[in-house]
Amino acid sequence: MNRRIFVKSATAAAGLLAISPFALHARPRVIKNISDRIMLGKMGIEVSRMAMGTGTHGVNRNSNQTRQLGIKGVADLLKAGYDMGVTFWDSADQYGTHPHLKEALKLVPREKVVILSKTHASTEDEMKADLDRFRKELGTDYIDIMLLHCMMSDDWPKVREGAMKVLSEAREKGVIRAHGVSCHTFGALKSAAASPWVQIDLARINPYGAVMDSKVPAVVDVLTQMNQSGKVIIGMKIFGGGELTNHVDECLKYALDQDYLPCFTIGVESLSQLKDLAVRVPAAS
């Protein structure tokens, strides 16, 4: 090698060494917002990055939202979110929020929002009854996403076989657009990962492992596998069911950094919280 080529090569190498190894591999920052448009896999369902959760501490068909805001208050909050580009509404029979979404649908075009609900049905008859009742309560002839709610046993695909069959048929008829589960144990989560029936999984995820199915690395490994197999992951318990409210920015940054997690639901209880999240999410991205 002649001296001129050697000097040129050495200078280039020195320049590379001066660059932080992190800079060589760092991805350019992408500002993310609660209103970003996200396509859920190949299902043709477009949602906002954040869903308006309506079931904070939801049990016995009540939640913080229903107790504090009532039907009109929840409807007005959903409309405020819609005006800010948040078009993904998260409900469940357990939360008792179907009538609240029905009221909100008087304020926005049905086709402009995506409605997710959840059922505890196990048998075919129970699932058929829930589908009819849910649509009546919501005031809509179809539900975008229907999930089997709070799976805890490893053998839930066997126990819920009847409900799963009805949901598959409902998707073919256009009564629902997609189906899946929410899980509350690690065994149930692994069963969801193995089930070809699951299109969408509502998964508990945050950087501290608070109110999660297992330790963070184990859950992340399963969720990554699910995503790679074509399943869509929607995050929940981003703030650990309220345990991590002193770490909001860190939790948001963590959720936004997960490649397998295109969107997440957060239980919004007031307009001020909604506006705060609209600022915090892009700042954390």
Protein backbone atom coordinates (compact mmCIF):
# COMPACT_ATOMS: atom_id res chain seq x y z
CA MET A 1 0.00 0.00 0.00
CA ASN A 2 1.49 3.37 -0.95
CA ARG A 3 1.79 6.12 1.65
CA ARG A 4 -1.03 8.29 0.23
CA ILE A 5 -3.57 5.47 0.39
CA PHE A 6 -2.33 4.46 3.86
CA VAL A 7 -2.73 7.99 5.27
CA LYS A 8 -6.18 8.35 3.73
CA SER A 9 -7.30 5.03 5.18
CA ALA A 10 -5.84 5.78 8.60
CA THR A 11 -7.57 9.16 8.70
CA ALA A 12 -10.92 7.59 7.84
CA ALA A 13 -10.43 4.95 10.51
CA ALA A 14 -9.57 7.59 13.10
CA GLY A 15 -12.75 9.42 12.20
CA LEU A 16 -14.81 6.28 12.73
CA LEU A 17 -13.16 5.65 16.09
CA ALA A 18 -14.09 9.17 17.15
CA ILE A 19 -17.76 8.36 16.62
CA SER A 20 -19.56 6.80 19.54
CA PRO A 21 -20.36 3.13 18.88
CA PHE A 22 -23.90 3.98 19.98
CA ALA A 23 -24.12 6.61 17.26
CA LEU A 24 -23.17 4.03 14.64
CA HIS A 25 -26.18 1.88 15.54
CA ALA A 26 -28.67 4.44 16.86
CA ARG A 27 -31.89 4.78 14.94
CA PRO A 28 -33.02 8.27 13.98
CA ARG A 29 -35.55 9.64 16.42
CA VAL A 30 -39.14 9.32 15.24
CA ILE A 31 -41.65 11.53 17.00
CA LYS A 32 -44.71 9.49 17.93
CA ASN A 33 -48.12 10.81 18.87
CA ILE A 34 -51.27 9.41 20.42
CA SER A 35 -53.06 10.11 17.14
CA ASP A 36 -50.63 8.30 14.81
CA ARG A 37 -52.40 5.98 12.37
CA ILE A 38 -51.50 2.31 12.92
CA MET A 39 -52.54 -0.64 10.76
CA LEU A 40 -53.13 -3.79 12.79
CA GLY A 41 -51.26 -6.46 10.87
CA LYS A 42 -53.04 -7.55 7.70
CA MET A 43 -56.55 -7.23 9.11
CA GLY A 44 -57.28 -3.90 7.46
CA ILE A 45 -58.07 -2.26 10.80
CA GLU A 46 -56.55 1.19 11.28
CA VAL A 47 -56.36 2.56 14.82
CA SER A 48 -54.79 5.48 16.63
CA ARG A 49 -51.56 4.66 18.47
CA MET A 50 -53.34 5.15 21.80
CA ALA A 51 -56.71 3.70 22.68
CA MET A 52 -59.06 5.44 25.09
CA GLY A 53 -59.43 2.91 27.90
CA THR A 54 -62.71 3.05 29.78
CA GLY A 55 -62.15 0.39 32.42
CA THR A 56 -59.78 1.73 35.09
CA HIS A 57 -60.34 -0.56 38.09
CA GLY A 58 -63.22 -2.04 36.12
CA VAL A 59 -65.22 -4.78 37.82
CA ASN A 60 -68.89 -5.78 38.15
CA ARG A 61 -69.78 -3.57 35.17
CA ASN A 62 -68.35 -0.46 36.79
CA SER A 63 -65.09 1.46 36.41
CA ASN A 64 -63.55 4.74 37.54
CA GLN A 65 -64.84 6.27 34.34
CA THR A 66 -68.45 5.17 34.84
CA ARG A 67 -68.45 6.05 38.53
CA GLN A 68 -66.88 9.48 38.15
CA LEU A 69 -68.15 10.68 34.77
CA GLY A 70 -71.39 8.92 33.98
CA ILE A 71 -72.67 8.21 30.49
CA LYS A 72 -72.53 11.76 29.18
CA GLY A 73 -69.16 12.47 30.76
CA VAL A 74 -67.51 9.41 29.23
CA ALA A 75 -69.13 10.16 25.87
CA ASP A 76 -67.84 13.73 25.95
CA LEU A 77 -64.35 12.50 26.87
CA LEU A 78 -64.35 10.02 23.98
CA LYS A 79 -65.48 12.81 21.65
CA ALA A 80 -62.65 15.03 22.92
CA GLY A 81 -60.22 12.22 22.16
CA TYR A 82 -61.74 11.79 18.70
CA ASP A 83 -61.27 15.51 18.03
CA MET A 84 -57.58 15.01 18.91
CA GLY A 85 -57.26 12.05 16.54
CA VAL A 86 -57.71 9.25 19.09
CA THR A 87 -60.16 6.95 17.31
CA PHE A 88 -59.60 3.68 19.17
CA TRP A 89 -62.08 2.93 21.99
CA ASP A 90 -61.40 0.15 24.51
CA SER A 91 -64.41 -1.23 26.40
CA ALA A 92 -65.62 -4.47 27.99
CA ASP A 93 -68.75 -6.02 29.42
CA GLN A 94 -66.91 -6.12 32.76
CA TYR A 95 -66.50 -2.33 32.70
CA GLY A 96 -70.17 -1.62 31.95
CA THR A 97 -69.15 1.00 29.38
CA HIS A 98 -71.12 -0.12 26.32
CA PRO A 99 -73.91 2.43 26.93
CA HIS A 100 -71.26 5.14 27.29
CA LEU A 101 -69.78 4.27 23.88
CA LYS A 102 -73.30 4.21 22.43
CA GLU A 103 -73.79 7.77 23.58
CA ALA A 104 -70.43 8.77 22.10
CA LEU A 105 -71.43 7.23 18.75
CA LYS A 106 -74.15 9.89 18.55
CA LEU A 107 -71.32 12.43 18.31
CA VAL A 108 -69.02 10.78 15.74
CA PRO A 109 -69.40 8.67 12.58
CA ARG A 110 -69.38 4.95 13.45
CA GLU A 111 -66.98 4.10 10.62
CA LYS A 112 -64.42 6.61 11.90
CA VAL A 113 -63.76 4.78 15.18
CA VAL A 114 -62.55 1.29 16.11
CA ILE A 115 -64.39 -0.36 18.99
CA LEU A 116 -62.78 -3.12 21.05
CA SER A 117 -64.80 -5.07 23.59
CA LYS A 118 -64.23 -8.14 25.73
CA THR A 119 -66.35 -11.10 26.80
CA HIS A 120 -66.29 -13.73 29.53
CA ALA A 121 -68.31 -16.16 27.39
CA SER A 122 -67.13 -19.76 27.18
CA THR A 123 -69.80 -21.68 25.28
CA GLU A 124 -71.34 -21.16 21.85
CA ASP A 125 -74.68 -20.10 23.34
CA GLU A 126 -73.04 -17.64 25.74
CA MET A 127 -70.99 -16.10 22.94
CA LYS A 128 -73.97 -15.75 20.60
CA ALA A 129 -75.96 -14.07 23.36
CA ASP A 130 -73.08 -11.71 24.19
CA LEU A 131 -72.62 -10.69 20.56
CA ASP A 132 -76.29 -9.80 20.24
CA ARG A 133 -76.42 -8.00 23.58
CA PHE A 134 -73.13 -6.13 23.09
CA ARG A 135 -74.18 -4.77 19.70
CA LYS A 136 -77.52 -3.63 21.12
CA GLU A 137 -75.81 -1.97 24.09
CA LEU A 138 -73.29 -0.28 21.78
CA GLY A 139 -75.85 0.73 19.18
CA THR A 140 -73.88 -0.77 16.30
CA ASP A 141 -74.35 -3.74 13.99
CA TYR A 142 -70.68 -4.77 14.16
CA ILE A 143 -67.81 -4.73 16.64
CA ASP A 144 -64.30 -4.22 15.30
CA ILE A 145 -62.35 -6.31 17.82
CA MET A 146 -63.71 -8.89 20.24
CA LEU A 147 -61.45 -10.44 22.86
CA LEU A 148 -61.89 -13.28 25.30
CA HIS A 149 -61.36 -11.42 28.55
CA CYS A 150 -58.83 -12.24 31.28
CA MET A 151 -57.56 -15.70 30.34
CA MET A 152 -55.84 -17.31 33.32
CA SER A 153 -55.68 -21.07 32.68
CA ASP A 154 -53.14 -22.69 30.39
CA ASP A 155 -55.91 -24.69 28.71
CA TRP A 156 -58.16 -21.75 27.90
CA PRO A 157 -58.21 -22.65 24.15
CA LYS A 158 -59.94 -25.90 25.14
CA VAL A 159 -62.25 -24.36 27.73
CA ARG A 160 -63.30 -21.51 25.42
CA GLU A 161 -63.53 -23.58 22.26
CA GLY A 162 -67.25 -22.89 21.84
CA ALA A 163 -66.88 -19.12 22.13
CA MET A 164 -63.90 -19.18 19.77
CA LYS A 165 -65.93 -21.04 17.13
CA VAL A 166 -68.72 -18.47 17.27
CA LEU A 167 -66.26 -15.58 17.01
CA SER A 168 -64.59 -17.18 13.97
CA GLU A 169 -67.98 -17.47 12.29
CA ALA A 170 -68.86 -13.90 13.30
CA ARG A 171 -65.68 -12.63 11.67
CA GLU A 172 -66.54 -14.43 8.43
CA LYS A 173 -70.01 -12.81 8.48
CA GLY A 174 -68.65 -9.32 9.25
CA VAL A 175 -70.23 -9.17 12.71
CA ILE A 176 -66.73 -8.65 14.08
CA ARG A 177 -63.53 -7.80 12.22
CA ALA A 178 -60.93 -9.52 14.42
CA HIS A 179 -60.71 -11.70 17.52
CA GLY A 180 -58.21 -12.52 20.23
CA VAL A 181 -57.57 -12.58 23.98
CA SER A 182 -56.34 -10.70 26.98
CA CYS A 183 -54.19 -12.79 29.34
CA HIS A 184 -53.52 -12.57 33.08
CA THR A 185 -51.07 -15.41 33.67
CA PHE A 186 -47.86 -16.44 31.92
CA GLY A 187 -49.23 -19.85 31.09
CA ALA A 188 -52.28 -18.31 29.41
CA LEU A 189 -50.01 -15.94 27.49
CA LYS A 190 -47.89 -18.81 26.19
CA SER A 191 -51.06 -20.63 25.13
CA ALA A 192 -52.13 -17.51 23.24
CA ALA A 193 -48.78 -17.45 21.49
CA ALA A 194 -49.26 -21.07 20.42
CA SER A 195 -52.87 -20.67 19.27
CA PRO A 196 -53.38 -20.03 15.54
CA TRP A 197 -56.85 -18.66 16.40
CA VAL A 198 -55.45 -15.61 18.18
CA GLN A 199 -55.15 -12.60 15.91
CA ILE A 200 -54.79 -9.95 18.62
CA ASP A 201 -53.37 -10.19 22.12
CA LEU A 202 -53.97 -7.51 24.73
CA ALA A 203 -50.83 -7.80 26.85
CA ARG A 204 -49.69 -6.33 30.15
CA ILE A 205 -46.32 -4.65 29.65
CA ASN A 206 -44.21 -2.02 31.42
CA PRO A 207 -40.49 -1.67 32.32
CA TYR A 208 -40.93 -2.68 35.98
CA GLY A 209 -43.00 -5.84 35.60
CA ALA A 210 -45.79 -4.34 37.69
CA VAL A 211 -49.08 -6.28 37.42
CA MET A 212 -47.62 -8.37 34.59
CA ASP A 213 -47.83 -12.07 33.70
CA SER A 214 -44.16 -12.75 34.51
CA LYS A 215 -40.81 -10.98 34.64
CA VAL A 216 -40.24 -8.45 31.88
CA PRO A 217 -37.67 -10.41 29.80
CA ALA A 218 -39.86 -13.52 29.75
CA VAL A 219 -42.95 -11.59 28.68
CA VAL A 220 -41.04 -9.63 26.05
CA ASP A 221 -39.68 -12.87 24.60
CA VAL A 222 -43.19 -14.33 24.19
CA LEU A 223 -44.65 -11.10 22.80
CA THR A 224 -41.81 -10.83 20.31
CA GLN A 225 -42.47 -14.39 19.15
CA MET A 226 -46.17 -13.61 18.80
CA ASN A 227 -45.45 -10.52 16.75
CA GLN A 228 -43.05 -12.40 14.49
CA SER A 229 -45.71 -15.04 13.85
CA GLY A 230 -48.12 -12.38 12.62
CA LYS A 231 -50.17 -11.72 15.75
CA VAL A 232 -50.86 -8.12 16.77
CA ILE A 233 -49.94 -7.02 20.28
CA ILE A 234 -51.83 -4.20 21.99
CA GLY A 235 -50.25 -3.02 25.22
CA MET A 236 -52.11 -2.53 28.49
CA LYS A 237 -51.11 -1.81 32.10
CA ILE A 238 -48.53 0.59 30.68
CA PHE A 239 -48.46 2.28 34.09
CA GLY A 240 -48.79 -0.96 36.04
CA GLY A 241 -52.45 -0.51 36.90
CA GLY A 242 -51.63 2.77 38.63
CA GLU A 243 -48.57 1.50 40.53
CA LEU A 244 -46.16 3.41 38.28
CA THR A 245 -47.72 6.86 38.17
CA ASN A 246 -44.42 8.30 39.42
CA HIS A 247 -42.71 6.88 36.33
CA VAL A 248 -45.11 7.95 33.59
CA ASP A 249 -42.51 9.29 31.17
CA GLU A 250 -40.24 6.29 31.60
CA CYS A 251 -43.15 3.89 31.06
CA LEU A 252 -44.27 5.74 27.95
CA LYS A 253 -40.76 5.73 26.53
CA TYR A 254 -40.47 2.01 27.19
CA ALA A 255 -43.75 1.23 25.45
CA LEU A 256 -42.91 3.43 22.48
CA ASP A 257 -39.51 1.75 22.09
CA GLN A 258 -40.91 -1.80 21.81
CA ASP A 259 -40.87 -2.88 18.16
CA TYR A 260 -43.50 -5.58 18.76
CA LEU A 261 -45.95 -3.05 20.27
CA PRO A 262 -47.64 -0.86 17.63
CA CYS A 263 -50.26 0.60 19.98
CA PHE A 264 -51.50 0.57 23.56
CA THR A 265 -54.52 1.41 25.67
CA ILE A 266 -54.50 3.81 28.61
CA GLY A 267 -57.42 4.38 30.93
CA VAL A 268 -58.11 8.09 30.57
CA GLU A 269 -60.31 9.55 33.30
CA SER A 270 -60.34 13.26 32.48
CA LEU A 271 -59.73 15.78 29.73
CA SER A 272 -56.67 17.07 31.58
CA GLN A 273 -55.14 13.56 31.57
CA LEU A 274 -55.87 13.23 27.86
CA LYS A 275 -54.20 16.55 27.08
CA ASP A 276 -51.24 15.63 29.28
CA LEU A 277 -50.73 12.37 27.41
CA ALA A 278 -50.93 14.20 24.09
CA VAL A 279 -47.85 16.17 25.23
CA ARG A 280 -45.97 13.42 27.08
CA VAL A 281 -46.10 10.77 24.34
CA PRO A 282 -44.21 12.75 21.66
CA ALA A 283 -41.79 14.03 24.31
CA ALA A 284 -41.05 10.43 25.36
CA SER A 285 -40.54 9.10 21.84
